Amino acid sequence: MEITNIKIKRFASESKMKAIASITFDDCFAVHDIKVIENNDKVFVAMPNKRLKDGTFKDVAHPINIEARQYIESAVIDAYNNAPLIEDEA
C-alpha cells in the first residue's frame, strides 16, 4: 500500500492543533481529518475519531501495526513541514 497523495491545511494559530490532513492510498482510498498536533515541542499525528456518549474518543480509521503507523506519521509530518501556513480568519 502506497500513499499517493497528501493534502495539508496548516494553520497559523496558537492552538495545539497545527494542521488537518487528508491522505490517499493507491489512488483509490482516502482518509480525511487526520490531525497534526504539537505538544511540548513535539509534533504527532492523531487519526480521525468520534466522541462516544461517555465523552471519550475512539478512532474511526487507524493503522493496525507499528510499521503502517510510522509510514503514515512520517509522510504526514513531512508534508506538514513543507506546507504553507493558512492565516486564521477573524
PDB file of N, CA and C in Angstrom:
ATOM      1  N   MET A   1       0.852  -1.170   0.000  1.00  0.00           N
ATOM      2  CA  MET A   1       0.000   0.000   0.000  1.00  0.00           C
ATOM      3  C   MET A   1       0.897   1.231   0.000  1.00  0.00           C
ATOM      4  N   GLU A   2       0.572   2.155  -0.874  1.00  0.00           N
ATOM      5  CA  GLU A   2       1.377   3.366  -1.028  1.00  0.00           C
ATOM      6  C   GLU A   2       0.516   4.609  -0.859  1.00  0.00           C
ATOM      7  N   ILE A   3       1.046   5.599  -0.140  1.00  0.00           N
ATOM      8  CA  ILE A   3       0.376   6.895  -0.068  1.00  0.00           C
ATOM      9  C   ILE A   3       0.655   7.611  -1.377  1.00  0.00           C
ATOM     10  N   THR A   4      -0.394   7.932  -2.111  1.00  0.00           N
ATOM     11  CA  THR A   4      -0.227   8.558  -3.418  1.00  0.00           C
ATOM     12  C   THR A   4      -0.557  10.039  -3.418  1.00  0.00           C
ATOM     13  N   ASN A   5      -1.163  10.543  -2.338  1.00  0.00           N
ATOM     14  CA  ASN A   5      -1.457  11.968  -2.256  1.00  0.00           C
ATOM     15  C   ASN A   5      -1.663  12.357  -0.793  1.00  0.00           C
ATOM     16  N   ILE A   6      -1.170  13.539  -0.446  1.00  0.00           N
ATOM     17  CA  ILE A   6      -1.407  14.100   0.876  1.00  0.00           C
ATOM     18  C   ILE A   6      -1.796  15.557   0.701  1.00  0.00           C
ATOM     19  N   LYS A   7      -2.907  15.952   1.313  1.00  0.00           N
ATOM     20  CA  LYS A   7      -3.330  17.347   1.331  1.00  0.00           C
ATOM     21  C   LYS A   7      -3.266  17.827   2.772  1.00  0.00           C
ATOM     22  N   ILE A   8      -2.636  18.978   2.971  1.00  0.00           N
ATOM     23  CA  ILE A   8      -2.443  19.530   4.315  1.00  0.00           C
ATOM     24  C   ILE A   8      -3.038  20.932   4.365  1.00  0.00           C
ATOM     25  N   LYS A   9      -3.805  21.207   5.395  1.00  0.00           N
ATOM     26  CA  LYS A   9      -4.217  22.576   5.716  1.00  0.00           C
ATOM     27  C   LYS A   9      -3.512  22.931   7.010  1.00  0.00           C
ATOM     28  N   ARG A  10      -2.456  23.742   6.887  1.00  0.00           N
ATOM     29  CA  ARG A  10      -1.639  24.115   8.040  1.00  0.00           C
ATOM     30  C   ARG A  10      -2.112  25.458   8.561  1.00  0.00           C
ATOM     31  N   PHE A  11      -2.339  25.547   9.880  1.00  0.00           N
ATOM     32  CA  PHE A  11      -2.905  26.738  10.489  1.00  0.00           C
ATOM     33  C   PHE A  11      -1.839  27.552  11.219  1.00  0.00           C
ATOM     34  N   ALA A  12      -1.924  28.870  11.079  1.00  0.00           N
ATOM     35  CA  ALA A  12      -1.077  29.785  11.840  1.00  0.00           C
ATOM     36  C   ALA A  12      -1.862  30.168  13.076  1.00  0.00           C
ATOM     37  N   SER A  13      -1.827  29.307  14.079  1.00  0.00           N
ATOM     38  CA  SER A  13      -2.612  29.559  15.286  1.00  0.00           C
ATOM     39  C   SER A  13      -1.821  29.116  16.502  1.00  0.00           C
ATOM     40  N   GLU A  14      -2.253  29.597  17.656  1.00  0.00           N
ATOM     41  CA  GLU A  14      -1.590  29.252  18.910  1.00  0.00           C
ATOM     42  C   GLU A  14      -2.121  27.950  19.505  1.00  0.00           C
ATOM     43  N   SER A  15      -3.147  27.365  18.916  1.00  0.00           N
ATOM     44  CA  SER A  15      -3.701  26.129  19.464  1.00  0.00           C
ATOM     45  C   SER A  15      -2.750  24.959  19.215  1.00  0.00           C
ATOM     46  N   LYS A  16      -3.008  23.859  19.912  1.00  0.00           N
ATOM     47  CA  LYS A  16      -2.163  22.672  19.759  1.00  0.00           C
ATOM     48  C   LYS A  16      -2.356  22.002  18.406  1.00  0.00           C
ATOM     49  N   MET A  17      -3.568  22.134  17.829  1.00  0.00           N
ATOM     50  CA  MET A  17      -3.803  21.547  16.512  1.00  0.00           C
ATOM     51  C   MET A  17      -3.189  22.460  15.460  1.00  0.00           C
ATOM     52  N   LYS A  18      -2.208  21.952  14.749  1.00  0.00           N
ATOM     53  CA  LYS A  18      -1.453  22.758  13.791  1.00  0.00           C
ATOM     54  C   LYS A  18      -1.888  22.552  12.352  1.00  0.00           C
ATOM     55  N   ALA A  19      -2.557  21.423  12.054  1.00  0.00           N
ATOM     56  CA  ALA A  19      -2.967  21.159  10.673  1.00  0.00           C
ATOM     57  C   ALA A  19      -3.985  20.023  10.640  1.00  0.00           C
ATOM     58  N   ILE A  20      -4.670  19.949   9.512  1.00  0.00           N
ATOM     59  CA  ILE A  20      -5.563  18.835   9.187  1.00  0.00           C
ATOM     60  C   ILE A  20      -5.047  18.244   7.876  1.00  0.00           C
ATOM     61  N   ALA A  21      -5.008  16.913   7.813  1.00  0.00           N
ATOM     62  CA  ALA A  21      -4.500  16.249   6.619  1.00  0.00           C
ATOM     63  C   ALA A  21      -5.526  15.271   6.067  1.00  0.00           C
ATOM     64  N   SER A  22      -5.437  15.073   4.761  1.00  0.00           N
ATOM     65  CA  SER A  22      -6.157  14.004   4.075  1.00  0.00           C
ATOM     66  C   SER A  22      -5.113  13.222   3.294  1.00  0.00           C
ATOM     67  N   ILE A  23      -5.184  11.905   3.366  1.00  0.00           N
ATOM     68  CA  ILE A  23      -4.238  11.089   2.614  1.00  0.00           C
ATOM     69  C   ILE A  23      -5.004  10.134   1.711  1.00  0.00           C
ATOM     70  N   THR A  24      -4.392   9.839   0.575  1.00  0.00           N
ATOM     71  CA  THR A  24      -4.962   8.894  -0.377  1.00  0.00           C
ATOM     72  C   THR A  24      -3.992   7.729  -0.538  1.00  0.00           C
ATOM     73  N   PHE A  25      -4.523   6.519  -0.490  1.00  0.00           N
ATOM     74  CA  PHE A  25      -3.733   5.309  -0.687  1.00  0.00           C
ATOM     75  C   PHE A  25      -4.025   4.734  -2.065  1.00  0.00           C
ATOM     76  N   ASP A  26      -2.970   4.424  -2.792  1.00  0.00           N
ATOM     77  CA  ASP A  26      -3.072   3.747  -4.091  1.00  0.00           C
ATOM     78  C   ASP A  26      -4.068   4.405  -5.048  1.00  0.00           C
ATOM     79  N   ASP A  27      -4.199   5.727  -4.954  1.00  0.00           N
ATOM     80  CA  ASP A  27      -5.121   6.488  -5.807  1.00  0.00           C
ATOM     81  C   ASP A  27      -6.557   5.972  -5.747  1.00  0.00           C
ATOM     82  N   CYS A  28      -6.926   5.270  -4.632  1.00  0.00           N
ATOM     83  CA  CYS A  28      -8.286   4.723  -4.610  1.00  0.00           C
ATOM     84  C   CYS A  28      -8.957   4.721  -3.242  1.00  0.00           C
ATOM     85  N   PHE A  29      -8.253   5.110  -2.166  1.00  0.00           N
ATOM     86  CA  PHE A  29      -8.877   5.117  -0.844  1.00  0.00           C
ATOM     87  C   PHE A  29      -8.347   6.312  -0.071  1.00  0.00           C
ATOM     88  N   ALA A  30      -9.264   7.138   0.471  1.00  0.00           N
ATOM     89  CA  ALA A  30      -8.863   8.359   1.174  1.00  0.00           C
ATOM     90  C   ALA A  30      -9.257   8.298   2.645  1.00  0.00           C
ATOM     91  N   VAL A  31      -8.414   8.903   3.480  1.00  0.00           N
ATOM     92  CA  VAL A  31      -8.701   9.085   4.897  1.00  0.00           C
ATOM     93  C   VAL A  31      -8.589  10.577   5.174  1.00  0.00           C
ATOM     94  N   HIS A  32      -9.662  11.172   5.701  1.00  0.00           N
ATOM     95  CA  HIS A  32      -9.721  12.608   5.962  1.00  0.00           C
ATOM     96  C   HIS A  32      -9.661  12.875   7.469  1.00  0.00           C
ATOM     97  N   ASP A  33      -9.452  14.149   7.802  1.00  0.00           N
ATOM     98  CA  ASP A  33      -9.496  14.626   9.187  1.00  0.00           C
ATOM     99  C   ASP A  33      -8.421  14.024  10.082  1.00  0.00           C
ATOM    100  N   ILE A  34      -7.240  13.806   9.522  1.00  0.00           N
ATOM    101  CA  ILE A  34      -6.085  13.418  10.325  1.00  0.00           C
ATOM    102  C   ILE A  34      -5.522  14.709  10.903  1.00  0.00           C
ATOM    103  N   LYS A  35      -5.323  14.746  12.201  1.00  0.00           N
ATOM    104  CA  LYS A  35      -4.867  15.973  12.856  1.00  0.00           C
ATOM    105  C   LYS A  35      -3.365  15.930  13.101  1.00  0.00           C
ATOM    106  N   VAL A  36      -2.714  17.079  12.899  1.00  0.00           N
ATOM    107  CA  VAL A  36      -1.320  17.247  13.284  1.00  0.00           C
ATOM    108  C   VAL A  36      -1.332  18.101  14.547  1.00  0.00           C
ATOM    109  N   ILE A  37      -0.814  17.539  15.623  1.00  0.00           N
ATOM    110  CA  ILE A  37      -0.859  18.161  16.945  1.00  0.00           C
ATOM    111  C   ILE A  37       0.566  18.451  17.408  1.00  0.00           C
ATOM    112  N   GLU A  38       0.745  19.625  18.026  1.00  0.00           N
ATOM    113  CA  GLU A  38       2.033  19.930  18.644  1.00  0.00           C
ATOM    114  C   GLU A  38       1.815  20.045  20.145  1.00  0.00           C
ATOM    115  N   ASN A  39       2.606  19.283  20.907  1.00  0.00           N
ATOM    116  CA  ASN A  39       2.503  19.298  22.357  1.00  0.00           C
ATOM    117  C   ASN A  39       3.912  19.164  22.929  1.00  0.00           C
ATOM    118  N   ASN A  40       4.290  20.100  23.772  1.00  0.00           N
ATOM    119  CA  ASN A  40       5.636  20.099  24.359  1.00  0.00           C
ATOM    120  C   ASN A  40       6.719  20.049  23.287  1.00  0.00           C
ATOM    121  N   ASP A  41       6.556  20.862  22.241  1.00  0.00           N
ATOM    122  CA  ASP A  41       7.517  20.965  21.135  1.00  0.00           C
ATOM    123  C   ASP A  41       7.698  19.662  20.353  1.00  0.00           C
ATOM    124  N   LYS A  42       6.753  18.740  20.461  1.00  0.00           N
ATOM    125  CA  LYS A  42       6.776  17.507  19.673  1.00  0.00           C
ATOM    126  C   LYS A  42       5.539  17.490  18.790  1.00  0.00           C
ATOM    127  N   VAL A  43       5.732  17.166  17.526  1.00  0.00           N
ATOM    128  CA  VAL A  43       4.623  17.084  16.579  1.00  0.00           C
ATOM    129  C   VAL A  43       4.259  15.613  16.402  1.00  0.00           C
ATOM    130  N   PHE A  44       2.953  15.325  16.468  1.00  0.00           N
ATOM    131  CA  PHE A  44       2.500  13.959  16.237  1.00  0.00           C
ATOM    132  C   PHE A  44       1.191  13.977  15.471  1.00  0.00           C
ATOM    133  N   VAL A  45       0.786  12.808  14.997  1.00  0.00           N
ATOM    134  CA  VAL A  45      -0.406  12.649  14.169  1.00  0.00           C
ATOM    135  C   VAL A  45      -1.487  11.950  14.979  1.00  0.00           C
ATOM    136  N   ALA A  46      -2.711  12.487  14.936  1.00  0.00           N
ATOM    137  CA  ALA A  46      -3.874  11.866  15.575  1.00  0.00           C
ATOM    138  C   ALA A  46      -4.853  11.460  14.478  1.00  0.00           C
ATOM    139  N   MET A  47      -5.228  10.221  14.491  1.00  0.00           N
ATOM    140  CA  MET A  47      -6.120   9.708  13.460  1.00  0.00           C
ATOM    141  C   MET A  47      -7.545  10.225  13.675  1.00  0.00           C
ATOM    142  N   PRO A  48      -8.389  10.180  12.634  1.00  0.00           N
ATOM    143  CA  PRO A  48      -9.765  10.664  12.758  1.00  0.00           C
ATOM    144  C   PRO A  48     -10.507   9.885  13.848  1.00  0.00           C
ATOM    145  N   ASN A  49     -11.339  10.601  14.603  1.00  0.00           N
ATOM    146  CA  ASN A  49     -12.039   9.939  15.699  1.00  0.00           C
ATOM    147  C   ASN A  49     -13.434  10.512  15.870  1.00  0.00           C
ATOM    148  N   LYS A  50     -14.198   9.857  16.739  1.00  0.00           N
ATOM    149  CA  LYS A  50     -15.526  10.356  17.078  1.00  0.00           C
ATOM    150  C   LYS A  50     -15.672  10.315  18.592  1.00  0.00           C
ATOM    151  N   ARG A  51     -16.506  11.213  19.110  1.00  0.00           N
ATOM    152  CA  ARG A  51     -16.759  11.261  20.553  1.00  0.00           C
ATOM    153  C   ARG A  51     -17.863  10.259  20.890  1.00  0.00           C
ATOM    154  N   LEU A  52     -17.610   9.448  21.898  1.00  0.00           N
ATOM    155  CA  LEU A  52     -18.596   8.487  22.373  1.00  0.00           C
ATOM    156  C   LEU A  52     -19.505   9.137  23.415  1.00  0.00           C
ATOM    157  N   LYS A  53     -20.605   8.478  23.739  1.00  0.00           N
ATOM    158  CA  LYS A  53     -21.569   9.022  24.698  1.00  0.00           C
ATOM    159  C   LYS A  53     -20.951   9.318  26.054  1.00  0.00           C
ATOM    160  N   ASP A  54     -19.917   8.560  26.440  1.00  0.00           N
ATOM    161  CA  ASP A  54     -19.280   8.786  27.739  1.00  0.00           C
ATOM    162  C   ASP A  54     -18.238   9.900  27.708  1.00  0.00           C
ATOM    163  N   GLY A  55     -18.092  10.573  26.556  1.00  0.00           N
ATOM    164  CA  GLY A  55     -17.161  11.690  26.445  1.00  0.00           C
ATOM    165  C   GLY A  55     -15.768  11.312  25.969  1.00  0.00           C
ATOM    166  N   THR A  56     -15.482  10.020  25.862  1.00  0.00           N
ATOM    167  CA  THR A  56     -14.182   9.583  25.360  1.00  0.00           C
ATOM    168  C   THR A  56     -14.198   9.589  23.833  1.00  0.00           C
ATOM    169  N   PHE A  57     -13.028   9.410  23.244  1.00  0.00           N
ATOM    170  CA  PHE A  57     -12.912   9.388  21.792  1.00  0.00           C
ATOM    171  C   PHE A  57     -12.455   8.019  21.327  1.00  0.00           C
ATOM    172  N   LYS A  58     -12.904   7.644  20.125  1.00  0.00           N
ATOM    173  CA  LYS A  58     -12.497   6.380  19.512  1.00  0.00           C
ATOM    174  C   LYS A  58     -12.105   6.646  18.066  1.00  0.00           C
ATOM    175  N   ASP A  59     -10.926   6.142  17.658  1.00  0.00           N
ATOM    176  CA  ASP A  59     -10.500   6.292  16.268  1.00  0.00           C
ATOM    177  C   ASP A  59     -11.491   5.597  15.338  1.00  0.00           C
ATOM    178  N   VAL A  60     -11.781   6.242  14.208  1.00  0.00           N
ATOM    179  CA  VAL A  60     -12.668   5.626  13.220  1.00  0.00           C
ATOM    180  C   VAL A  60     -11.868   5.013  12.075  1.00  0.00           C
ATOM    181  N   ALA A  61     -10.605   5.410  11.963  1.00  0.00           N
ATOM    182  CA  ALA A  61      -9.682   4.813  10.995  1.00  0.00           C
ATOM    183  C   ALA A  61      -8.297   4.914  11.606  1.00  0.00           C
ATOM    184  N   HIS A  62      -7.543   3.823  11.520  1.00  0.00           N
ATOM    185  CA  HIS A  62      -6.206   3.843  12.100  1.00  0.00           C
ATOM    186  C   HIS A  62      -5.375   2.685  11.562  1.00  0.00           C
ATOM    187  N   PRO A  63      -4.045   2.845  11.576  1.00  0.00           N
ATOM    188  CA  PRO A  63      -3.181   1.730  11.183  1.00  0.00           C
ATOM    189  C   PRO A  63      -3.228   0.643  12.258  1.00  0.00           C
ATOM    190  N   ILE A  64      -3.011  -0.600  11.852  1.00  0.00           N
ATOM    191  CA  ILE A  64      -3.111  -1.690  12.826  1.00  0.00           C
ATOM    192  C   ILE A  64      -1.752  -2.258  13.228  1.00  0.00           C
ATOM    193  N   ASN A  65      -0.666  -1.708  12.678  1.00  0.00           N
ATOM    194  CA  ASN A  65       0.656  -2.141  13.129  1.00  0.00           C
ATOM    195  C   ASN A  65       1.607  -0.947  13.151  1.00  0.00           C
ATOM    196  N   ILE A  66       2.711  -1.104  13.845  1.00  0.00           N
ATOM    197  CA  ILE A  66       3.645  -0.002  14.058  1.00  0.00           C
ATOM    198  C   ILE A  66       4.277   0.472  12.744  1.00  0.00           C
ATOM    199  N   GLU A  67       4.524  -0.435  11.816  1.00  0.00           N
ATOM    200  CA  GLU A  67       5.124  -0.048  10.549  1.00  0.00           C
ATOM    201  C   GLU A  67       4.200   0.872   9.752  1.00  0.00           C
ATOM    202  N   ALA A  68       2.921   0.531   9.714  1.00  0.00           N
ATOM    203  CA  ALA A  68       1.949   1.364   8.995  1.00  0.00           C
ATOM    204  C   ALA A  68       1.799   2.712   9.684  1.00  0.00           C
ATOM    205  N   ARG A  69       1.764   2.711  11.024  1.00  0.00           N
ATOM    206  CA  ARG A  69       1.654   3.978  11.762  1.00  0.00           C
ATOM    207  C   ARG A  69       2.855   4.866  11.480  1.00  0.00           C
ATOM    208  N   GLN A  70       4.060   4.310  11.511  1.00  0.00           N
ATOM    209  CA  GLN A  70       5.264   5.097  11.247  1.00  0.00           C
ATOM    210  C   GLN A  70       5.284   5.631   9.816  1.00  0.00           C
ATOM    211  N   TYR A  71       4.847   4.824   8.859  1.00  0.00           N
ATOM    212  CA  TYR A  71       4.793   5.232   7.455  1.00  0.00           C
ATOM    213  C   TYR A  71       3.851   6.419   7.287  1.00  0.00           C
ATOM    214  N   ILE A  72       2.652   6.321   7.845  1.00  0.00           N
ATOM    215  CA  ILE A  72       1.664   7.397   7.732  1.00  0.00           C
ATOM    216  C   ILE A  72       2.137   8.639   8.475  1.00  0.00           C
ATOM    217  N   GLU A  73       2.579   8.474   9.699  1.00  0.00           N
ATOM    218  CA  GLU A  73       3.010   9.618  10.502  1.00  0.00           C
ATOM    219  C   GLU A  73       4.178  10.349   9.844  1.00  0.00           C
ATOM    220  N   SER A  74       5.148   9.617   9.353  1.00  0.00           N
ATOM    221  CA  SER A  74       6.303  10.229   8.699  1.00  0.00           C
ATOM    222  C   SER A  74       5.888  11.016   7.458  1.00  0.00           C
ATOM    223  N   ALA A  75       5.022  10.426   6.636  1.00  0.00           N
ATOM    224  CA  ALA A  75       4.576  11.096   5.414  1.00  0.00           C
ATOM    225  C   ALA A  75       3.769  12.350   5.727  1.00  0.00           C
ATOM    226  N   VAL A  76       2.879  12.274   6.712  1.00  0.00           N
ATOM    227  CA  VAL A  76       2.042  13.426   7.065  1.00  0.00           C
ATOM    228  C   VAL A  76       2.897  14.539   7.679  1.00  0.00           C
ATOM    229  N   ILE A  77       3.817  14.194   8.570  1.00  0.00           N
ATOM    230  CA  ILE A  77       4.660  15.219   9.192  1.00  0.00           C
ATOM    231  C   ILE A  77       5.590  15.867   8.167  1.00  0.00           C
ATOM    232  N   ASP A  78       6.123  15.094   7.232  1.00  0.00           N
ATOM    233  CA  ASP A  78       6.938  15.679   6.154  1.00  0.00           C
ATOM    234  C   ASP A  78       6.118  16.660   5.332  1.00  0.00           C
ATOM    235  N   ALA A  79       4.893  16.275   4.980  1.00  0.00           N
ATOM    236  CA  ALA A  79       4.024  17.172   4.205  1.00  0.00           C
ATOM    237  C   ALA A  79       3.678  18.413   5.020  1.00  0.00           C
ATOM    238  N   TYR A  80       3.415  18.240   6.310  1.00  0.00           N
ATOM    239  CA  TYR A  80       3.117  19.365   7.197  1.00  0.00           C
ATOM    240  C   TYR A  80       4.292  20.349   7.238  1.00  0.00           C
ATOM    241  N   ASN A  81       5.497  19.836   7.378  1.00  0.00           N
ATOM    242  CA  ASN A  81       6.685  20.694   7.456  1.00  0.00           C
ATOM    243  C   ASN A  81       6.901  21.498   6.179  1.00  0.00           C
ATOM    244  N   ASN A  82       6.381  21.034   5.056  1.00  0.00           N
ATOM    245  CA  ASN A  82       6.570  21.728   3.781  1.00  0.00           C
ATOM    246  C   ASN A  82       5.346  22.507   3.320  1.00  0.00           C
ATOM    247  N   ALA A  83       4.264  22.481   4.102  1.00  0.00           N
ATOM    248  CA  ALA A  83       3.015  23.147   3.700  1.00  0.00           C
ATOM    249  C   ALA A  83       3.035  24.621   4.095  1.00  0.00           C
ATOM    250  N   PRO A  84       2.423  25.488   3.271  1.00  0.00           N
ATOM    251  CA  PRO A  84       2.323  26.895   3.635  1.00  0.00           C
ATOM    252  C   PRO A  84       1.294  27.078   4.747  1.00  0.00           C
ATOM    253  N   LEU A  85       1.466  28.140   5.532  1.00  0.00           N
ATOM    254  CA  LEU A  85       0.528  28.468   6.597  1.00  0.00           C
ATOM    255  C   LEU A  85      -0.727  29.106   6.035  1.00  0.00           C
ATOM    256  N   ILE A  86      -1.864  28.824   6.656  1.00  0.00           N
ATOM    257  CA  ILE A  86      -3.128  29.478   6.346  1.00  0.00           C
ATOM    258  C   ILE A  86      -3.426  30.391   7.523  1.00  0.00           C
ATOM    259  N   GLU A  87      -3.551  31.677   7.280  1.00  0.00           N
ATOM    260  CA  GLU A  87      -3.814  32.632   8.363  1.00  0.00           C
ATOM    261  C   GLU A  87      -5.219  32.422   8.920  1.00  0.00           C
ATOM    262  N   ASP A  88      -5.365  32.599  10.235  1.00  0.00           N
ATOM    263  CA  ASP A  88      -6.678  32.498  10.879  1.00  0.00           C
ATOM    264  C   ASP A  88      -7.612  33.555  10.321  1.00  0.00           C
ATOM    265  N   GLU A  89      -8.888  33.168  10.170  1.00  0.00           N
ATOM    266  CA  GLU A  89      -9.891  34.130   9.734  1.00  0.00           C
ATOM    267  C   GLU A  89     -10.495  34.791  10.963  1.00  0.00           C
ATOM    268  N   ALA A  90     -10.596  36.080  10.947  1.00  0.00           N
ATOM    269  CA  ALA A  90     -11.130  36.805  12.119  1.00  0.00           C
ATOM    270  C   ALA A  90     -12.619  36.964  12.030  1.00  0.00           C
TER     271      ALA A  90
END
